[in-house]
PDB file of all heavy atoms in Angstrom:
ATOM      1  N   TYR A   1      22.242  38.484  -6.474  1.00  0.00           N
ATOM      2  CA  TYR A   1      21.440  39.634  -6.869  1.00  0.00           C
ATOM      3  C   TYR A   1      21.944  40.153  -8.202  1.00  0.00           C
ATOM      4  O   TYR A   1      23.133  40.477  -8.341  1.00  0.00           O
ATOM      5  CB  TYR A   1      21.577  40.705  -5.784  1.00  0.00           C
ATOM      6  CG  TYR A   1      20.984  42.066  -6.074  1.00  0.00           C
ATOM      7  CD1 TYR A   1      19.882  42.514  -5.364  1.00  0.00           C
ATOM      8  CD2 TYR A   1      21.544  42.922  -7.014  1.00  0.00           C
ATOM      9  CE1 TYR A   1      19.350  43.784  -5.590  1.00  0.00           C
ATOM     10  CE2 TYR A   1      21.021  44.186  -7.251  1.00  0.00           C
ATOM     11  CZ  TYR A   1      19.923  44.606  -6.539  1.00  0.00           C
ATOM     12  OH  TYR A   1      19.407  45.850  -6.770  1.00  0.00           O
ATOM     13  N   GLY A   2      21.044  40.242  -9.165  1.00  0.00           N
ATOM     14  CA  GLY A   2      21.366  40.885 -10.427  1.00  0.00           C
ATOM     15  C   GLY A   2      20.683  42.239 -10.516  1.00  0.00           C
ATOM     16  O   GLY A   2      19.454  42.313 -10.495  1.00  0.00           O
ATOM     17  N   GLY A   3      21.482  43.311 -10.582  1.00  0.00           N
ATOM     18  CA  GLY A   3      20.957  44.637 -10.879  1.00  0.00           C
ATOM     19  C   GLY A   3      21.012  44.814 -12.383  1.00  0.00           C
ATOM     20  O   GLY A   3      22.101  44.792 -12.973  1.00  0.00           O
ATOM     21  N   LEU A   4      19.866  44.964 -13.039  1.00  0.00           N
ATOM     22  CA  LEU A   4      19.767  44.786 -14.485  1.00  0.00           C
ATOM     23  C   LEU A   4      19.074  45.962 -15.153  1.00  0.00           C
ATOM     24  O   LEU A   4      18.349  46.716 -14.509  1.00  0.00           O
ATOM     25  CB  LEU A   4      19.009  43.489 -14.780  1.00  0.00           C
ATOM     26  CG  LEU A   4      19.590  42.261 -14.055  1.00  0.00           C
ATOM     27  CD1 LEU A   4      18.536  41.206 -13.832  1.00  0.00           C
ATOM     28  CD2 LEU A   4      20.768  41.704 -14.817  1.00  0.00           C
ATOM     29  N   MET A   5      19.298  46.085 -16.467  1.00  0.00           N
ATOM     30  CA  MET A   5      18.654  47.151 -17.219  1.00  0.00           C
ATOM     31  C   MET A   5      18.238  46.640 -18.591  1.00  0.00           C
ATOM     32  O   MET A   5      19.029  46.000 -19.288  1.00  0.00           O
ATOM     33  CB  MET A   5      19.581  48.355 -17.375  1.00  0.00           C
ATOM     34  CG  MET A   5      18.931  49.520 -18.109  1.00  0.00           C
ATOM     35  SD  MET A   5      20.033  50.941 -18.276  1.00  0.00           S
ATOM     36  CE  MET A   5      19.947  51.650 -16.627  1.00  0.00           C
ATOM     37  N   VAL A   6      16.988  46.939 -18.955  1.00  0.00           N
ATOM     38  CA  VAL A   6      16.508  46.656 -20.310  1.00  0.00           C
ATOM     39  C   VAL A   6      16.884  47.852 -21.175  1.00  0.00           C
ATOM     40  O   VAL A   6      16.372  48.955 -20.983  1.00  0.00           O
ATOM     41  CB  VAL A   6      14.983  46.446 -20.328  1.00  0.00           C
ATOM     42  CG1 VAL A   6      14.527  46.064 -21.737  1.00  0.00           C
ATOM     43  CG2 VAL A   6      14.563  45.368 -19.327  1.00  0.00           C
ATOM     44  N   THR A   7      17.806  47.644 -22.117  1.00  0.00           N
ATOM     45  CA  THR A   7      18.265  48.710 -23.003  1.00  0.00           C
ATOM     46  C   THR A   7      17.819  48.413 -24.440  1.00  0.00           C
ATOM     47  O   THR A   7      17.287  47.340 -24.731  1.00  0.00           O
ATOM     48  CB  THR A   7      19.807  48.833 -22.979  1.00  0.00           C
ATOM     49  OG1 THR A   7      20.371  47.744 -23.722  1.00  0.00           O
ATOM     50  CG2 THR A   7      20.342  48.806 -21.556  1.00  0.00           C
ATOM     51  N   GLU A   8      18.076  49.350 -25.327  1.00  0.00           N
ATOM     52  CA  GLU A   8      17.767  49.130 -26.747  1.00  0.00           C
ATOM     53  C   GLU A   8      18.567  47.975 -27.317  1.00  0.00           C
ATOM     54  O   GLU A   8      18.177  47.350 -28.300  1.00  0.00           O
ATOM     55  CB  GLU A   8      18.058  50.413 -27.545  1.00  0.00           C
ATOM     56  CG  GLU A   8      17.053  51.525 -27.303  1.00  0.00           C
ATOM     57  CD  GLU A   8      17.327  52.737 -28.161  1.00  0.00           C
ATOM     58  OE1 GLU A   8      18.378  52.759 -28.844  1.00  0.00           O
ATOM     59  OE2 GLU A   8      16.486  53.669 -28.155  1.00  0.00           O
ATOM     60  N   ASP A   9      19.718  47.665 -26.682  1.00  0.00           N
ATOM     61  CA  ASP A   9      20.579  46.572 -27.146  1.00  0.00           C
ATOM     62  C   ASP A   9      20.394  45.299 -26.336  1.00  0.00           C
ATOM     63  O   ASP A   9      21.266  44.434 -26.318  1.00  0.00           O
ATOM     64  CB  ASP A   9      22.053  47.008 -27.066  1.00  0.00           C
ATOM     65  CG  ASP A   9      22.335  48.221 -27.930  1.00  0.00           C
ATOM     66  OD1 ASP A   9      21.784  48.291 -29.046  1.00  0.00           O
ATOM     67  OD2 ASP A   9      23.090  49.099 -27.482  1.00  0.00           O
ATOM     68  N   GLY A  10      19.251  45.178 -25.643  1.00  0.00           N
ATOM     69  CA  GLY A  10      18.999  43.983 -24.841  1.00  0.00           C
ATOM     70  C   GLY A  10      19.253  44.232 -23.362  1.00  0.00           C
ATOM     71  O   GLY A  10      19.554  45.355 -22.938  1.00  0.00           O
ATOM     72  N   ILE A  11      19.147  43.168 -22.564  1.00  0.00           N
ATOM     73  CA  ILE A  11      19.322  43.291 -21.111  1.00  0.00           C
ATOM     74  C   ILE A  11      20.813  43.322 -20.780  1.00  0.00           C
ATOM     75  O   ILE A  11      21.587  42.481 -21.236  1.00  0.00           O
ATOM     76  CB  ILE A  11      18.617  42.135 -20.382  1.00  0.00           C
ATOM     77  CG1 ILE A  11      17.102  42.189 -20.657  1.00  0.00           C
ATOM     78  CG2 ILE A  11      18.869  42.215 -18.874  1.00  0.00           C
ATOM     79  CD1 ILE A  11      16.322  41.051 -20.093  1.00  0.00           C
ATOM     80  N   LYS A  12      21.195  44.303 -19.971  1.00  0.00           N
ATOM     81  CA  LYS A  12      22.590  44.454 -19.545  1.00  0.00           C
ATOM     82  C   LYS A  12      22.676  44.391 -18.019  1.00  0.00           C
ATOM     83  O   LYS A  12      21.737  44.763 -17.315  1.00  0.00           O
ATOM     84  CB  LYS A  12      23.156  45.800 -20.020  1.00  0.00           C
ATOM     85  CG  LYS A  12      23.157  45.998 -21.539  1.00  0.00           C
ATOM     86  CD  LYS A  12      24.255  45.206 -22.206  1.00  0.00           C
ATOM     87  CE  LYS A  12      24.293  45.444 -23.712  1.00  0.00           C
ATOM     88  NZ  LYS A  12      24.927  46.712 -24.071  1.00  0.00           N
ATOM     89  N   THR A  13      23.835  43.952 -17.537  1.00  0.00           N
ATOM     90  CA  THR A  13      24.079  43.880 -16.100  1.00  0.00           C
ATOM     91  C   THR A  13      24.665  45.191 -15.609  1.00  0.00           C
ATOM     92  O   THR A  13      25.680  45.660 -16.126  1.00  0.00           O
ATOM     93  CB  THR A  13      25.078  42.752 -15.772  1.00  0.00           C
ATOM     94  OG1 THR A  13      24.687  41.570 -16.463  1.00  0.00           O
ATOM     95  CG2 THR A  13      25.118  42.488 -14.277  1.00  0.00           C
ATOM     96  N   ILE A  14      24.009  45.780 -14.624  1.00  0.00           N
ATOM     97  CA  ILE A  14      24.567  46.968 -13.968  1.00  0.00           C
ATOM     98  C   ILE A  14      25.539  46.526 -12.875  1.00  0.00           C
ATOM     99  O   ILE A  14      26.640  47.044 -12.740  1.00  0.00           O
ATOM    100  CB  ILE A  14      23.450  47.842 -13.365  1.00  0.00           C
ATOM    101  CG1 ILE A  14      22.484  48.299 -14.461  1.00  0.00           C
ATOM    102  CG2 ILE A  14      24.041  49.047 -12.642  1.00  0.00           C
ATOM    103  CD1 ILE A  14      21.229  48.932 -13.928  1.00  0.00           C
ATOM    104  N   GLU A  15      25.106  45.533 -12.073  1.00  0.00           N
ATOM    105  CA  GLU A  15      25.954  45.041 -10.975  1.00  0.00           C
ATOM    106  C   GLU A  15      25.436  43.696 -10.495  1.00  0.00           C
ATOM    107  O   GLU A  15      24.291  43.316 -10.740  1.00  0.00           O
ATOM    108  CB  GLU A  15      25.937  46.030  -9.808  1.00  0.00           C
ATOM    109  CG  GLU A  15      24.554  46.178  -9.164  1.00  0.00           C
ATOM    110  CD  GLU A  15      24.534  47.115  -7.963  1.00  0.00           C
ATOM    111  OE1 GLU A  15      25.607  47.556  -7.532  1.00  0.00           O
ATOM    112  OE2 GLU A  15      23.422  47.380  -7.456  1.00  0.00           O
ATOM    113  N   PHE A  16      26.316  42.971  -9.812  1.00  0.00           N
ATOM    114  CA  PHE A  16      25.921  41.804  -9.042  1.00  0.00           C
ATOM    115  C   PHE A  16      26.159  42.097  -7.571  1.00  0.00           C
ATOM    116  O   PHE A  16      27.116  42.785  -7.209  1.00  0.00           O
ATOM    117  CB  PHE A  16      26.756  40.573  -9.433  1.00  0.00           C
ATOM    118  CG  PHE A  16      26.357  39.947 -10.730  1.00  0.00           C
ATOM    119  CD1 PHE A  16      27.120  40.139 -11.869  1.00  0.00           C
ATOM    120  CD2 PHE A  16      25.223  39.154 -10.825  1.00  0.00           C
ATOM    121  CE1 PHE A  16      26.773  39.558 -13.081  1.00  0.00           C
ATOM    122  CE2 PHE A  16      24.850  38.573 -12.032  1.00  0.00           C
ATOM    123  CZ  PHE A  16      25.631  38.774 -13.158  1.00  0.00           C
ATOM    124  N   ASN A  17      25.284  41.578  -6.727  1.00  0.00           N
ATOM    125  CA  ASN A  17      25.502  41.595  -5.288  1.00  0.00           C
ATOM    126  C   ASN A  17      25.480  40.168  -4.763  1.00  0.00           C
ATOM    127  O   ASN A  17      24.873  39.280  -5.375  1.00  0.00           O
ATOM    128  CB  ASN A  17      24.447  42.437  -4.569  1.00  0.00           C
ATOM    129  CG  ASN A  17      24.608  43.925  -4.863  1.00  0.00           C
ATOM    130  OD1 ASN A  17      25.716  44.411  -5.071  1.00  0.00           O
ATOM    131  ND2 ASN A  17      23.506  44.647  -4.904  1.00  0.00           N
ATOM    132  N   ALA A  18      26.124  39.977  -3.609  1.00  0.00           N
ATOM    133  CA  ALA A  18      26.287  38.630  -3.047  1.00  0.00           C
ATOM    134  C   ALA A  18      25.261  38.330  -1.967  1.00  0.00           C
ATOM    135  O   ALA A  18      25.433  37.397  -1.191  1.00  0.00           O
ATOM    136  CB  ALA A  18      27.703  38.485  -2.485  1.00  0.00           C
ATOM    137  N   ARG A  19      24.170  39.106  -1.948  1.00  0.00           N
ATOM    138  CA  ARG A  19      23.149  38.944  -0.893  1.00  0.00           C
ATOM    139  C   ARG A  19      21.823  39.483  -1.412  1.00  0.00           C
ATOM    140  O   ARG A  19      21.746  40.058  -2.486  1.00  0.00           O
ATOM    141  CB  ARG A  19      23.575  39.666   0.383  1.00  0.00           C
ATOM    142  CG  ARG A  19      24.275  41.026   0.187  1.00  0.00           C
ATOM    143  CD  ARG A  19      23.410  42.124  -0.275  1.00  0.00           C
ATOM    144  NE  ARG A  19      24.131  43.307  -0.712  1.00  0.00           N
ATOM    145  CZ  ARG A  19      23.536  44.386  -1.169  1.00  0.00           C
ATOM    146  NH1 ARG A  19      22.222  44.458  -1.243  1.00  0.00           N
ATOM    147  NH2 ARG A  19      24.234  45.430  -1.575  1.00  0.00           N
ATOM    148  N   PHE A  20      20.780  39.289  -0.620  1.00  0.00           N
ATOM    149  CA  PHE A  20      19.458  39.803  -0.979  1.00  0.00           C
ATOM    150  C   PHE A  20      19.515  41.329  -1.028  1.00  0.00           C
ATOM    151  O   PHE A  20      20.229  41.964  -0.267  1.00  0.00           O
ATOM    152  CB  PHE A  20      18.430  39.380   0.072  1.00  0.00           C
ATOM    153  CG  PHE A  20      17.112  38.934  -0.512  1.00  0.00           C
ATOM    154  CD1 PHE A  20      16.650  37.649  -0.320  1.00  0.00           C
ATOM    155  CD2 PHE A  20      16.331  39.811  -1.256  1.00  0.00           C
ATOM    156  CE1 PHE A  20      15.441  37.234  -0.856  1.00  0.00           C
ATOM    157  CE2 PHE A  20      15.117  39.423  -1.786  1.00  0.00           C
ATOM    158  CZ  PHE A  20      14.665  38.114  -1.588  1.00  0.00           C
ATOM    159  N   GLY A  21      18.747  41.920  -1.914  1.00  0.00           N
ATOM    160  CA  GLY A  21      18.679  43.371  -1.989  1.00  0.00           C
ATOM    161  C   GLY A  21      17.852  43.940  -0.846  1.00  0.00           C
ATOM    162  O   GLY A  21      17.017  43.267  -0.253  1.00  0.00           O
ATOM    163  N   ASP A  22      18.125  45.204  -0.546  1.00  0.00           N
ATOM    164  CA  ASP A  22      17.356  45.936   0.455  1.00  0.00           C
ATOM    165  C   ASP A  22      17.129  47.324  -0.128  1.00  0.00           C
ATOM    166  O   ASP A  22      18.097  48.062  -0.306  1.00  0.00           O
ATOM    167  CB  ASP A  22      18.174  46.021   1.757  1.00  0.00           C
ATOM    168  CG  ASP A  22      17.405  46.596   2.916  1.00  0.00           C
ATOM    169  OD1 ASP A  22      16.245  47.002   2.712  1.00  0.00           O
ATOM    170  OD2 ASP A  22      17.955  46.654   4.027  1.00  0.00           O
ATOM    171  N   PRO A  23      15.936  47.680  -0.563  1.00  0.00           N
ATOM    172  CA  PRO A  23      14.631  47.272  -0.042  1.00  0.00           C
ATOM    173  C   PRO A  23      13.878  46.203  -0.827  1.00  0.00           C
ATOM    174  O   PRO A  23      12.687  46.009  -0.597  1.00  0.00           O
ATOM    175  CB  PRO A  23      13.852  48.588  -0.088  1.00  0.00           C
ATOM    176  CG  PRO A  23      14.386  49.265  -1.325  1.00  0.00           C
ATOM    177  CD  PRO A  23      15.845  48.901  -1.394  1.00  0.00           C
ATOM    178  N   GLU A  24      14.546  45.459  -1.726  1.00  0.00           N
ATOM    179  CA  GLU A  24      13.817  44.428  -2.480  1.00  0.00           C
ATOM    180  C   GLU A  24      13.310  43.297  -1.588  1.00  0.00           C
ATOM    181  O   GLU A  24      12.220  42.758  -1.824  1.00  0.00           O
ATOM    182  CB  GLU A  24      14.702  43.847  -3.588  1.00  0.00           C
ATOM    183  CG  GLU A  24      15.005  44.811  -4.720  1.00  0.00           C
ATOM    184  CD  GLU A  24      16.311  45.553  -4.530  1.00  0.00           C
ATOM    185  OE1 GLU A  24      16.793  45.629  -3.375  1.00  0.00           O
ATOM    186  OE2 GLU A  24      16.845  46.065  -5.525  1.00  0.00           O
ATOM    187  N   ALA A  25      14.091  42.907  -0.585  1.00  0.00           N
ATOM    188  CA  ALA A  25      13.687  41.786   0.276  1.00  0.00           C
ATOM    189  C   ALA A  25      12.305  42.006   0.882  1.00  0.00           C
ATOM    190  O   ALA A  25      11.485  41.082   0.969  1.00  0.00           O
ATOM    191  CB  ALA A  25      14.716  41.579   1.392  1.00  0.00           C
ATOM    192  N   GLU A  26      12.047  43.243   1.284  1.00  0.00           N
ATOM    193  CA  GLU A  26      10.797  43.545   1.978  1.00  0.00           C
ATOM    194  C   GLU A  26       9.577  43.367   1.071  1.00  0.00           C
ATOM    195  O   GLU A  26       8.512  42.964   1.543  1.00  0.00           O
ATOM    196  CB  GLU A  26      10.831  44.979   2.518  1.00  0.00           C
ATOM    197  CG  GLU A  26      11.849  45.208   3.633  1.00  0.00           C
ATOM    198  CD  GLU A  26      13.217  45.644   3.144  1.00  0.00           C
ATOM    199  OE1 GLU A  26      13.667  45.159   2.077  1.00  0.00           O
ATOM    200  OE2 GLU A  26      13.871  46.442   3.821  1.00  0.00           O
ATOM    201  N   VAL A  27       9.716  43.688  -0.232  1.00  0.00           N
ATOM    202  CA  VAL A  27       8.560  43.596  -1.132  1.00  0.00           C
ATOM    203  C   VAL A  27       8.472  42.239  -1.833  1.00  0.00           C
ATOM    204  O   VAL A  27       7.398  41.847  -2.285  1.00  0.00           O
ATOM    205  CB  VAL A  27       8.544  44.733  -2.182  1.00  0.00           C
ATOM    206  CG1 VAL A  27       8.373  46.080  -1.500  1.00  0.00           C
ATOM    207  CG2 VAL A  27       9.771  44.713  -3.074  1.00  0.00           C
ATOM    208  N   ILE A  28       9.584  41.515  -1.921  1.00  0.00           N
ATOM    209  CA  ILE A  28       9.563  40.194  -2.570  1.00  0.00           C
ATOM    210  C   ILE A  28       9.107  39.118  -1.586  1.00  0.00           C
ATOM    211  O   ILE A  28       8.199  38.333  -1.876  1.00  0.00           O
ATOM    212  CB  ILE A  28      10.946  39.847  -3.150  1.00  0.00           C
ATOM    213  CG1 ILE A  28      11.289  40.768  -4.327  1.00  0.00           C
ATOM    214  CG2 ILE A  28      10.990  38.382  -3.607  1.00  0.00           C
ATOM    215  CD1 ILE A  28      12.714  40.634  -4.833  1.00  0.00           C
ATOM    216  N   LEU A  29       9.722  39.068  -0.419  1.00  0.00           N
ATOM    217  CA  LEU A  29       9.449  37.954   0.502  1.00  0.00           C
ATOM    218  C   LEU A  29       8.043  37.994   1.076  1.00  0.00           C
ATOM    219  O   LEU A  29       7.485  36.951   1.415  1.00  0.00           O
ATOM    220  CB  LEU A  29      10.491  37.933   1.622  1.00  0.00           C
ATOM    221  CG  LEU A  29      11.903  37.531   1.167  1.00  0.00           C
ATOM    222  CD1 LEU A  29      12.904  37.657   2.306  1.00  0.00           C
ATOM    223  CD2 LEU A  29      11.909  36.112   0.598  1.00  0.00           C
ATOM    224  N   CYS A  30       7.430  39.179   1.170  1.00  0.00           N
ATOM    225  CA  CYS A  30       6.050  39.237   1.678  1.00  0.00           C
ATOM    226  C   CYS A  30       5.064  38.646   0.667  1.00  0.00           C
ATOM    227  O   CYS A  30       3.908  38.382   1.007  1.00  0.00           O
ATOM    228  CB  CYS A  30       5.657  40.657   2.063  1.00  0.00           C
ATOM    229  SG  CYS A  30       5.456  41.788   0.674  1.00  0.00           S
ATOM    230  N   ARG A  31       5.497  38.423  -0.574  1.00  0.00           N
ATOM    231  CA  ARG A  31       4.641  37.820  -1.600  1.00  0.00           C
ATOM    232  C   ARG A  31       4.815  36.303  -1.690  1.00  0.00           C
ATOM    233  O   ARG A  31       4.070  35.632  -2.407  1.00  0.00           O
ATOM    234  CB  ARG A  31       4.946  38.436  -2.970  1.00  0.00           C
ATOM    235  CG  ARG A  31       4.601  39.925  -3.067  1.00  0.00           C
ATOM    236  CD  ARG A  31       4.795  40.454  -4.485  1.00  0.00           C
ATOM    237  NE  ARG A  31       3.978  39.682  -5.414  1.00  0.00           N
ATOM    238  CZ  ARG A  31       4.451  39.116  -6.524  1.00  0.00           C
ATOM    239  NH1 ARG A  31       5.719  39.231  -6.862  1.00  0.00           N
ATOM    240  NH2 ARG A  31       3.639  38.437  -7.309  1.00  0.00           N
ATOM    241  N   LEU A  32       5.798  35.761  -0.980  1.00  0.00           N
ATOM    242  CA  LEU A  32       6.065  34.316  -1.041  1.00  0.00           C
ATOM    243  C   LEU A  32       5.073  33.557  -0.160  1.00  0.00           C
ATOM    244  O   LEU A  32       4.986  33.807   1.036  1.00  0.00           O
ATOM    245  CB  LEU A  32       7.497  34.034  -0.590  1.00  0.00           C
ATOM    246  CG  LEU A  32       7.945  32.579  -0.638  1.00  0.00           C
ATOM    247  CD1 LEU A  32       7.983  32.057  -2.076  1.00  0.00           C
ATOM    248  CD2 LEU A  32       9.321  32.417   0.020  1.00  0.00           C
ATOM    249  N   GLU A  33       4.317  32.642  -0.767  1.00  0.00           N
ATOM    250  CA  GLU A  33       3.325  31.864  -0.016  1.00  0.00           C
ATOM    251  C   GLU A  33       3.843  30.487   0.371  1.00  0.00           C
ATOM    252  O   GLU A  33       3.310  29.854   1.280  1.00  0.00           O
ATOM    253  CB  GLU A  33       2.040  31.727  -0.839  1.00  0.00           C
ATOM    254  CG  GLU A  33       1.311  33.060  -1.026  1.00  0.00           C
ATOM    255  CD  GLU A  33      -0.023  32.914  -1.725  1.00  0.00           C
ATOM    256  OE1 GLU A  33      -0.191  31.948  -2.495  1.00  0.00           O
ATOM    257  OE2 GLU A  33      -0.896  33.775  -1.510  1.00  0.00           O
ATOM    258  N   SER A  34       4.874  29.990  -0.308  1.00  0.00           N
ATOM    259  CA  SER A  34       5.443  28.684   0.032  1.00  0.00           C
ATOM    260  C   SER A  34       6.496  28.845   1.126  1.00  0.00           C
ATOM    261  O   SER A  34       6.818  29.956   1.555  1.00  0.00           O
ATOM    262  CB  SER A  34       6.024  28.014  -1.213  1.00  0.00           C
ATOM    263  OG  SER A  34       6.876  28.897  -1.909  1.00  0.00           O
ATOM    264  N   ASP A  35       7.048  27.736   1.579  1.00  0.00           N
ATOM    265  CA  ASP A  35       7.939  27.682   2.736  1.00  0.00           C
ATOM    266  C   ASP A  35       9.341  28.190   2.372  1.00  0.00           C
ATOM    267  O   ASP A  35      10.059  27.561   1.597  1.00  0.00           O
ATOM    268  CB  ASP A  35       8.006  26.227   3.237  1.00  0.00           C
ATOM    269  CG  ASP A  35       8.703  26.081   4.570  1.00  0.00           C
ATOM    270  OD1 ASP A  35       9.678  26.811   4.816  1.00  0.00           O
ATOM    271  OD2 ASP A  35       8.287  25.212   5.359  1.00  0.00           O
ATOM    272  N   PHE A  36       9.727  29.314   2.947  1.00  0.00           N
ATOM    273  CA  PHE A  36      11.020  29.930   2.652  1.00  0.00           C
ATOM    274  C   PHE A  36      12.189  29.046   3.083  1.00  0.00           C
ATOM    275  O   PHE A  36      13.151  28.850   2.325  1.00  0.00           O
ATOM    276  CB  PHE A  36      11.079  31.287   3.365  1.00  0.00           C
ATOM    277  CG  PHE A  36      12.345  32.069   3.152  1.00  0.00           C
ATOM    278  CD1 PHE A  36      12.803  32.357   1.881  1.00  0.00           C
ATOM    279  CD2 PHE A  36      13.063  32.552   4.243  1.00  0.00           C
ATOM    280  CE1 PHE A  36      13.961  33.102   1.682  1.00  0.00           C
ATOM    281  CE2 PHE A  36      14.215  33.299   4.053  1.00  0.00           C
ATOM    282  CZ  PHE A  36      14.671  33.573   2.782  1.00  0.00           C
ATOM    283  N   LEU A  37      12.122  28.515   4.293  1.00  0.00           N
ATOM    284  CA  LEU A  37      13.221  27.671   4.775  1.00  0.00           C
ATOM    285  C   LEU A  37      13.353  26.397   3.949  1.00  0.00           C
ATOM    286  O   LEU A  37      14.464  25.969   3.635  1.00  0.00           O
ATOM    287  CB  LEU A  37      13.026  27.322   6.255  1.00  0.00           C
ATOM    288  CG  LEU A  37      13.169  28.455   7.262  1.00  0.00           C
ATOM    289  CD1 LEU A  37      13.043  27.922   8.688  1.00  0.00           C
ATOM    290  CD2 LEU A  37      14.507  29.187   7.091  1.00  0.00           C
ATOM    291  N   GLN A  38      12.222  25.801   3.580  1.00  0.00           N
ATOM    292  CA  GLN A  38      12.276  24.589   2.773  1.00  0.00           C
ATOM    293  C   GLN A  38      12.921  24.871   1.414  1.00  0.00           C
ATOM    294  O   GLN A  38      13.682  24.051   0.896  1.00  0.00           O
ATOM    295  CB  GLN A  38      10.875  24.008   2.572  1.00  0.00           C
ATOM    296  CG  GLN A  38      10.856  22.636   1.899  1.00  0.00           C
ATOM    297  CD  GLN A  38      11.606  21.583   2.705  1.00  0.00           C
ATOM    298  OE1 GLN A  38      11.272  21.328   3.865  1.00  0.00           O
ATOM    299  NE2 GLN A  38      12.634  20.997   2.116  1.00  0.00           N
ATOM    300  N   ALA A  39      12.626  26.039   0.854  1.00  0.00           N
ATOM    301  CA  ALA A  39      13.225  26.423  -0.433  1.00  0.00           C
ATOM    302  C   ALA A  39      14.744  26.510  -0.312  1.00  0.00           C
ATOM    303  O   ALA A  39      15.484  26.019  -1.179  1.00  0.00           O
ATOM    304  CB  ALA A  39      12.651  27.755  -0.905  1.00  0.00           C
ATOM    305  N   ILE A  40      15.232  27.130   0.761  1.00  0.00           N
ATOM    306  CA  ILE A  40      16.680  27.235   0.977  1.00  0.00           C
ATOM    307  C   ILE A  40      17.299  25.856   1.153  1.00  0.00           C
ATOM    308  O   ILE A  40      18.343  25.538   0.549  1.00  0.00           O
ATOM    309  CB  ILE A  40      16.981  28.136   2.190  1.00  0.00           C
ATOM    310  CG1 ILE A  40      16.664  29.595   1.862  1.00  0.00           C
ATOM    311  CG2 ILE A  40      18.440  28.004   2.637  1.00  0.00           C
ATOM    312  CD1 ILE A  40      16.803  30.548   3.032  1.00  0.00           C
ATOM    313  N   LEU A  41      16.662  25.004   1.958  1.00  0.00           N
ATOM    314  CA  LEU A  41      17.190  23.658   2.190  1.00  0.00           C
ATOM    315  C   LEU A  41      17.217  22.847   0.894  1.00  0.00           C
ATOM    316  O   LEU A  41      18.182  22.117   0.623  1.00  0.00           O
ATOM    317  CB  LEU A  41      16.360  22.935   3.251  1.00  0.00           C
ATOM    318  CG  LEU A  41      16.416  23.540   4.663  1.00  0.00           C
ATOM    319  CD1 LEU A  41      15.448  22.816   5.589  1.00  0.00           C
ATOM    320  CD2 LEU A  41      17.829  23.483   5.231  1.00  0.00           C
ATOM    321  N   ASP A  42      16.161  22.973   0.091  1.00  0.00           N
ATOM    322  CA  ASP A  42      16.123  22.268  -1.197  1.00  0.00           C
ATOM    323  C   ASP A  42      17.298  22.691  -2.071  1.00  0.00           C
ATOM    324  O   ASP A  42      17.998  21.851  -2.646  1.00  0.00           O
ATOM    325  CB  ASP A  42      14.802  22.553  -1.931  1.00  0.00           C
ATOM    326  CG  ASP A  42      13.617  21.806  -1.337  1.00  0.00           C
ATOM    327  OD1 ASP A  42      13.844  20.867  -0.544  1.00  0.00           O
ATOM    328  OD2 ASP A  42      12.474  22.162  -1.672  1.00  0.00           O
TER     329      ASP A  42
END
């Protein structure tokens, strides 16, 4: 997970996380039309 910011000096990193974001998971994964498990296995 990249927590990021678009600044006047370009994109900067606010933080990294080692897992899916919450509440991002809920709004991102509901938009995925392809096979989630197959993507992980690939």
